[in-house]
Amino acid sequence: MSTRHWQKSSYCQEGEACVHISTTPAAVHLTDRPTPPRTVLTTSPAAFTALLHALRTRAPLAPATGR
């Protein structure tokens, strides 16, 4: 069972077509349903901020680098 606090996106459509987000100082977690969350995408706050900026400005994202 997840102990994360999930918040529904303010841009949700009617029904279950929503993105839910949960944050910690070191990570941003995204899922399509919080109870129970199935697949959770986890990224860094910096990468999530870059994604939001690209979406807002319609700018292309820089290519991801391998680790």
C-alpha atoms as a PDB file:
ATOM      1  CA  MET A   1       0.000   0.000   0.000  1.00  0.00           C
ATOM      2  CA  SER A   2       1.359   3.420  -0.937  1.00  0.00           C
ATOM      3  CA  THR A   3       1.993   5.936   1.818  1.00  0.00           C
ATOM      4  CA  ARG A   4       2.544   8.753  -0.644  1.00  0.00           C
ATOM      5  CA  HIS A   5       0.200  11.726  -0.684  1.00  0.00           C
ATOM      6  CA  TRP A   6      -1.156  11.883  -4.238  1.00  0.00           C
ATOM      7  CA  GLN A   7      -2.571  15.095  -5.699  1.00  0.00           C
ATOM      8  CA  LYS A   8      -4.788  15.079  -8.794  1.00  0.00           C
ATOM      9  CA  SER A   9      -3.756  17.340 -11.666  1.00  0.00           C
ATOM     10  CA  SER A  10      -5.839  20.471 -12.059  1.00  0.00           C
ATOM     11  CA  TYR A  11      -6.023  19.716 -15.800  1.00  0.00           C
ATOM     12  CA  CYS A  12      -7.987  16.458 -15.416  1.00  0.00           C
ATOM     13  CA  GLN A  13     -10.820  15.532 -17.704  1.00  0.00           C
ATOM     14  CA  GLU A  14     -14.025  14.022 -16.361  1.00  0.00           C
ATOM     15  CA  GLY A  15     -13.769  10.544 -14.922  1.00  0.00           C
ATOM     16  CA  GLU A  16     -10.497   8.723 -14.399  1.00  0.00           C
ATOM     17  CA  ALA A  17      -8.449  10.380 -17.187  1.00  0.00           C
ATOM     18  CA  CYS A  18      -6.102  12.103 -14.748  1.00  0.00           C
ATOM     19  CA  VAL A  19      -2.468  12.349 -13.783  1.00  0.00           C
ATOM     20  CA  HIS A  20      -1.660  12.178 -10.080  1.00  0.00           C
ATOM     21  CA  ILE A  21       1.573  13.540  -8.627  1.00  0.00           C
ATOM     22  CA  SER A  22       3.429  12.926  -5.390  1.00  0.00           C
ATOM     23  CA  THR A  23       6.616  14.785  -4.505  1.00  0.00           C
ATOM     24  CA  THR A  24       9.512  14.442  -2.112  1.00  0.00           C
ATOM     25  CA  PRO A  25      12.586  16.691  -1.926  1.00  0.00           C
ATOM     26  CA  ALA A  26      14.512  14.210  -4.098  1.00  0.00           C
ATOM     27  CA  ALA A  27      11.855  12.884  -6.510  1.00  0.00           C
ATOM     28  CA  VAL A  28       8.638  13.524  -8.408  1.00  0.00           C
ATOM     29  CA  HIS A  29       6.305  10.530  -8.818  1.00  0.00           C
ATOM     30  CA  LEU A  30       3.545  10.375 -11.456  1.00  0.00           C
ATOM     31  CA  THR A  31       0.783   7.821 -11.915  1.00  0.00           C
ATOM     32  CA  ASP A  32      -2.580   7.545 -13.637  1.00  0.00           C
ATOM     33  CA  ARG A  33      -4.399   6.300 -10.546  1.00  0.00           C
ATOM     34  CA  PRO A  34      -3.331   6.626  -6.922  1.00  0.00           C
ATOM     35  CA  THR A  35      -5.290   3.818  -5.266  1.00  0.00           C
ATOM     36  CA  PRO A  36      -3.651   1.473  -5.840  1.00  0.00           C
ATOM     37  CA  PRO A  37      -0.990   3.009  -8.057  1.00  0.00           C
ATOM     38  CA  ARG A  38      -0.076   0.627 -10.852  1.00  0.00           C
ATOM     39  CA  THR A  39       2.824   2.067 -12.792  1.00  0.00           C
ATOM     40  CA  VAL A  40       4.670   4.965 -11.170  1.00  0.00           C
ATOM     41  CA  LEU A  41       7.063   7.143 -13.163  1.00  0.00           C
ATOM     42  CA  THR A  42       9.752   8.655 -10.934  1.00  0.00           C
ATOM     43  CA  THR A  43      12.026  11.497 -11.998  1.00  0.00           C
ATOM     44  CA  SER A  44      14.135  14.222 -10.464  1.00  0.00           C
ATOM     45  CA  PRO A  45      12.614  17.607  -9.632  1.00  0.00           C
ATOM     46  CA  ALA A  46      15.009  19.243 -12.143  1.00  0.00           C
ATOM     47  CA  ALA A  47      13.933  16.953 -14.982  1.00  0.00           C
ATOM     48  CA  PHE A  48      10.251  17.471 -14.156  1.00  0.00           C
ATOM     49  CA  THR A  49      10.741  21.250 -14.092  1.00  0.00           C
ATOM     50  CA  ALA A  50      12.458  21.062 -17.508  1.00  0.00           C
ATOM     51  CA  LEU A  51       9.522  19.035 -18.873  1.00  0.00           C
ATOM     52  CA  LEU A  52       6.972  21.552 -17.571  1.00  0.00           C
ATOM     53  CA  HIS A  53       8.986  24.435 -19.031  1.00  0.00           C
ATOM     54  CA  ALA A  54       9.170  22.706 -22.422  1.00  0.00           C
ATOM     55  CA  LEU A  55       5.426  22.033 -22.398  1.00  0.00           C
ATOM     56  CA  ARG A  56       4.571  25.607 -21.430  1.00  0.00           C
ATOM     57  CA  THR A  57       6.854  27.182 -24.020  1.00  0.00           C
ATOM     58  CA  ARG A  58       6.543  24.426 -26.619  1.00  0.00           C
ATOM     59  CA  ALA A  59      10.333  24.222 -26.671  1.00  0.00           C
ATOM     60  CA  PRO A  60      12.043  20.930 -27.498  1.00  0.00           C
ATOM     61  CA  LEU A  61      13.640  19.047 -24.635  1.00  0.00           C
ATOM     62  CA  ALA A  62      17.353  18.331 -24.675  1.00  0.00           C
ATOM     63  CA  PRO A  63      18.131  14.690 -25.467  1.00  0.00           C
ATOM     64  CA  ALA A  64      18.394  12.415 -22.450  1.00  0.00           C
ATOM     65  CA  THR A  65      21.873  11.286 -21.551  1.00  0.00           C
ATOM     66  CA  GLY A  66      22.700   7.722 -20.528  1.00  0.00           C
ATOM     67  CA  ARG A  67      24.197   6.939 -17.163  1.00  0.00           C
END
